[in-house]
């Protein structure tokens, strides 16, 4: 990396490991610290104009509130750099296939847990019998 003497403007090529160390200028004798190179200034651009708000589908809502009286669902969709968009669904329906999959998953999970629990009890009883 290149460093420049602050007094006589003599430039030197030094390794990066010299950052934080002090060196002496051979030309004028000035002692100065080697500083990390500064980053070049990048011009700041104006932020782009926001696009018009459009409904977003398949986005996960930030907050969901369910009103049990009318079975309405209200939630707010937050999109980056946009104001929150309130969305209200008048009716929610769940398909039979979805309900069947949920019930099937719960029943199978209970059978697996019950089987593992029964196996564990069988092992414990077998160990207890072998000890006595």
C-alpha atoms as a PDB file:
ATOM      1  CA  UNK A   1       0.000   0.000   0.000  1.00  0.00           C
ATOM      2  CA  UNK A   2       1.131   3.544  -0.601  1.00  0.00           C
ATOM      3  CA  UNK A   3       1.641   6.080   2.212  1.00  0.00           C
ATOM      4  CA  UNK A   4       2.625   9.721   1.890  1.00  0.00           C
ATOM      5  CA  UNK A   5       4.729  11.776   4.298  1.00  0.00           C
ATOM      6  CA  UNK A   6       2.514  14.580   5.657  1.00  0.00           C
ATOM      7  CA  UNK A   7       5.436  17.049   5.718  1.00  0.00           C
ATOM      8  CA  UNK A   8       7.262  16.647   2.396  1.00  0.00           C
ATOM      9  CA  UNK A   9       4.709  14.562   0.454  1.00  0.00           C
ATOM     10  CA  UNK A  10       7.258  11.813  -0.294  1.00  0.00           C
ATOM     11  CA  UNK A  11       5.408   8.579  -1.103  1.00  0.00           C
ATOM     12  CA  UNK A  12       6.437   5.127   0.094  1.00  0.00           C
ATOM     13  CA  UNK A  13       5.216   1.643  -0.777  1.00  0.00           C
ATOM     14  CA  UNK A  14       4.848  -0.305   2.503  1.00  0.00           C
ATOM     15  CA  UNK A  15       3.232  -3.679   3.332  1.00  0.00           C
ATOM     16  CA  UNK A  16      -0.289  -3.702   4.769  1.00  0.00           C
ATOM     17  CA  UNK A  17       1.111  -5.081   8.025  1.00  0.00           C
ATOM     18  CA  UNK A  18       2.592  -1.617   8.788  1.00  0.00           C
ATOM     19  CA  UNK A  19      -0.874  -0.132   9.503  1.00  0.00           C
ATOM     20  CA  UNK A  20      -0.775   1.419  12.992  1.00  0.00           C
ATOM     21  CA  UNK A  21       3.044   1.532  13.072  1.00  0.00           C
ATOM     22  CA  UNK A  22       5.155   4.714  12.936  1.00  0.00           C
ATOM     23  CA  UNK A  23       7.756   5.201  10.249  1.00  0.00           C
ATOM     24  CA  UNK A  24      10.415   7.862   9.604  1.00  0.00           C
ATOM     25  CA  UNK A  25      10.582   9.714   6.297  1.00  0.00           C
ATOM     26  CA  UNK A  26      14.004   9.240   4.702  1.00  0.00           C
ATOM     27  CA  UNK A  27      13.786  12.571   2.877  1.00  0.00           C
ATOM     28  CA  UNK A  28      12.811  14.992   5.684  1.00  0.00           C
ATOM     29  CA  UNK A  29      13.042  12.911   8.882  1.00  0.00           C
ATOM     30  CA  UNK A  30       9.354  13.340   9.826  1.00  0.00           C
ATOM     31  CA  UNK A  31       7.972  10.498  11.969  1.00  0.00           C
ATOM     32  CA  UNK A  32       4.347   9.648  11.184  1.00  0.00           C
ATOM     33  CA  UNK A  33       1.846   6.822  11.674  1.00  0.00           C
ATOM     34  CA  UNK A  34       0.828   4.550   8.826  1.00  0.00           C
ATOM     35  CA  UNK A  35      -2.951   4.714   8.563  1.00  0.00           C
ATOM     36  CA  UNK A  36      -5.287   2.339   6.791  1.00  0.00           C
ATOM     37  CA  UNK A  37      -6.199   3.576   3.331  1.00  0.00           C
ATOM     38  CA  UNK A  38      -9.414   5.552   3.269  1.00  0.00           C
ATOM     39  CA  UNK A  39     -12.246   4.380   1.085  1.00  0.00           C
ATOM     40  CA  UNK A  40     -12.940   6.474  -2.008  1.00  0.00           C
ATOM     41  CA  UNK A  41     -15.965   8.690  -1.744  1.00  0.00           C
ATOM     42  CA  UNK A  42     -18.942   7.359  -3.627  1.00  0.00           C
ATOM     43  CA  UNK A  43     -21.516   9.857  -4.839  1.00  0.00           C
ATOM     44  CA  UNK A  44     -24.830   9.434  -3.074  1.00  0.00           C
ATOM     45  CA  UNK A  45     -27.722   8.877  -5.421  1.00  0.00           C
ATOM     46  CA  UNK A  46     -31.279   9.851  -4.678  1.00  0.00           C
ATOM     47  CA  UNK A  47     -33.464   6.907  -3.655  1.00  0.00           C
ATOM     48  CA  UNK A  48     -35.650   5.580  -6.487  1.00  0.00           C
ATOM     49  CA  UNK A  49     -39.233   6.694  -6.680  1.00  0.00           C
ATOM     50  CA  UNK A  50     -41.550   4.280  -4.846  1.00  0.00           C
ATOM     51  CA  UNK A  51     -43.615   2.083  -7.112  1.00  0.00           C
ATOM     52  CA  UNK A  52     -47.394   2.258  -6.816  1.00  0.00           C
ATOM     53  CA  UNK A  53     -48.881  -0.015  -4.197  1.00  0.00           C
ATOM     54  CA  UNK A  54     -50.107  -3.309  -5.537  1.00  0.00           C
ATOM     55  CA  UNK A  55     -51.745  -6.185  -3.689  1.00  0.00           C
ATOM     56  CA  UNK A  56     -49.253  -8.888  -2.838  1.00  0.00           C
ATOM     57  CA  UNK A  57     -50.279 -12.527  -3.017  1.00  0.00           C
ATOM     58  CA  UNK A  58     -48.567 -15.416  -1.238  1.00  0.00           C
ATOM     59  CA  UNK A  59     -46.775 -13.098   1.197  1.00  0.00           C
ATOM     60  CA  UNK A  60     -46.602 -14.078   4.848  1.00  0.00           C
ATOM     61  CA  UNK A  61     -48.542 -11.519   6.901  1.00  0.00           C
ATOM     62  CA  UNK A  62     -46.772  -9.766   9.747  1.00  0.00           C
ATOM     63  CA  UNK A  63     -49.801  -9.796  12.043  1.00  0.00           C
ATOM     64  CA  UNK A  64     -53.024 -11.772  11.808  1.00  0.00           C
ATOM     65  CA  UNK A  65     -56.164 -11.010  13.756  1.00  0.00           C
ATOM     66  CA  UNK A  66     -59.135 -13.345  13.563  1.00  0.00           C
ATOM     67  CA  UNK A  67     -62.581 -12.083  14.462  1.00  0.00           C
ATOM     68  CA  UNK A  68     -64.575 -15.070  15.719  1.00  0.00           C
ATOM     69  CA  UNK A  69     -67.942 -13.314  15.485  1.00  0.00           C
ATOM     70  CA  UNK A  70     -67.968 -13.065  11.696  1.00  0.00           C
ATOM     71  CA  UNK A  71     -65.072 -15.433  10.903  1.00  0.00           C
ATOM     72  CA  UNK A  72     -63.324 -12.592   9.086  1.00  0.00           C
ATOM     73  CA  UNK A  73     -59.559 -12.494   8.797  1.00  0.00           C
ATOM     74  CA  UNK A  74     -57.709  -9.183   8.928  1.00  0.00           C
ATOM     75  CA  UNK A  75     -53.975  -8.806   8.479  1.00  0.00           C
ATOM     76  CA  UNK A  76     -51.411  -6.263   7.431  1.00  0.00           C
ATOM     77  CA  UNK A  77     -48.889  -6.844   4.656  1.00  0.00           C
ATOM     78  CA  UNK A  78     -45.585  -5.023   5.121  1.00  0.00           C
ATOM     79  CA  UNK A  79     -43.534  -4.515   1.976  1.00  0.00           C
ATOM     80  CA  UNK A  80     -40.010  -3.112   2.049  1.00  0.00           C
ATOM     81  CA  UNK A  81     -40.002   0.718   1.973  1.00  0.00           C
ATOM     82  CA  UNK A  82     -43.801   0.862   1.646  1.00  0.00           C
ATOM     83  CA  UNK A  83     -46.510   1.783   4.154  1.00  0.00           C
ATOM     84  CA  UNK A  84     -48.410  -1.203   5.639  1.00  0.00           C
ATOM     85  CA  UNK A  85     -51.335  -2.433   3.546  1.00  0.00           C
ATOM     86  CA  UNK A  86     -54.369  -3.603   5.544  1.00  0.00           C
ATOM     87  CA  UNK A  87     -56.081  -6.614   3.962  1.00  0.00           C
ATOM     88  CA  UNK A  88     -59.459  -8.025   5.000  1.00  0.00           C
ATOM     89  CA  UNK A  89     -60.769 -11.387   3.825  1.00  0.00           C
ATOM     90  CA  UNK A  90     -64.503 -11.712   4.207  1.00  0.00           C
ATOM     91  CA  UNK A  91     -64.574 -15.494   4.325  1.00  0.00           C
ATOM     92  CA  UNK A  92     -62.001 -18.184   4.824  1.00  0.00           C
ATOM     93  CA  UNK A  93     -62.481 -21.712   3.591  1.00  0.00           C
ATOM     94  CA  UNK A  94     -60.272 -24.731   4.142  1.00  0.00           C
ATOM     95  CA  UNK A  95     -60.505 -27.559   1.657  1.00  0.00           C
ATOM     96  CA  UNK A  96     -61.437 -31.091   2.670  1.00  0.00           C
ATOM     97  CA  UNK A  97     -58.044 -32.281   1.411  1.00  0.00           C
ATOM     98  CA  UNK A  98     -56.259 -29.895   3.783  1.00  0.00           C
ATOM     99  CA  UNK A  99     -58.337 -31.006   6.781  1.00  0.00           C
ATOM    100  CA  UNK A 100     -57.782 -34.678   5.852  1.00  0.00           C
ATOM    101  CA  UNK A 101     -53.997 -34.173   5.694  1.00  0.00           C
ATOM    102  CA  UNK A 102     -53.954 -32.475   9.103  1.00  0.00           C
ATOM    103  CA  UNK A 103     -56.062 -35.207  10.750  1.00  0.00           C
ATOM    104  CA  UNK A 104     -54.007 -37.951   9.075  1.00  0.00           C
ATOM    105  CA  UNK A 105     -50.752 -36.368  10.264  1.00  0.00           C
ATOM    106  CA  UNK A 106     -52.041 -36.088  13.845  1.00  0.00           C
ATOM    107  CA  UNK A 107     -53.295 -39.706  13.924  1.00  0.00           C
ATOM    108  CA  UNK A 108     -50.085 -41.130  12.452  1.00  0.00           C
ATOM    109  CA  UNK A 109     -48.002 -39.042  14.854  1.00  0.00           C
ATOM    110  CA  UNK A 110     -49.981 -40.350  17.828  1.00  0.00           C
ATOM    111  CA  UNK A 111     -49.517 -43.960  16.665  1.00  0.00           C
ATOM    112  CA  UNK A 112     -45.757 -43.456  16.245  1.00  0.00           C
ATOM    113  CA  UNK A 113     -45.424 -41.785  19.652  1.00  0.00           C
ATOM    114  CA  UNK A 114     -47.581 -44.497  21.265  1.00  0.00           C
ATOM    115  CA  UNK A 115     -45.500 -47.226  19.640  1.00  0.00           C
ATOM    116  CA  UNK A 116     -42.238 -45.678  20.792  1.00  0.00           C
ATOM    117  CA  UNK A 117     -43.628 -45.213  24.292  1.00  0.00           C
ATOM    118  CA  UNK A 118     -44.782 -48.869  24.361  1.00  0.00           C
ATOM    119  CA  UNK A 119     -41.368 -50.007  23.146  1.00  0.00           C
ATOM    120  CA  UNK A 120     -39.669 -47.960  25.867  1.00  0.00           C
ATOM    121  CA  UNK A 121     -41.936 -49.442  28.560  1.00  0.00           C
ATOM    122  CA  UNK A 122     -41.249 -52.955  27.215  1.00  0.00           C
ATOM    123  CA  UNK A 123     -37.496 -52.364  27.412  1.00  0.00           C
ATOM    124  CA  UNK A 124     -37.736 -51.018  30.966  1.00  0.00           C
ATOM    125  CA  UNK A 125     -39.885 -53.966  32.099  1.00  0.00           C
ATOM    126  CA  UNK A 126     -37.482 -56.404  30.427  1.00  0.00           C
ATOM    127  CA  UNK A 127     -34.526 -54.793  32.201  1.00  0.00           C
ATOM    128  CA  UNK A 128     -36.320 -54.877  35.520  1.00  0.00           C
ATOM    129  CA  UNK A 129     -37.148 -58.593  35.108  1.00  0.00           C
ATOM    130  CA  UNK A 130     -33.572 -59.451  34.174  1.00  0.00           C
ATOM    131  CA  UNK A 131     -32.248 -57.633  37.260  1.00  0.00           C
ATOM    132  CA  UNK A 132     -34.605 -59.374  39.718  1.00  0.00           C
END
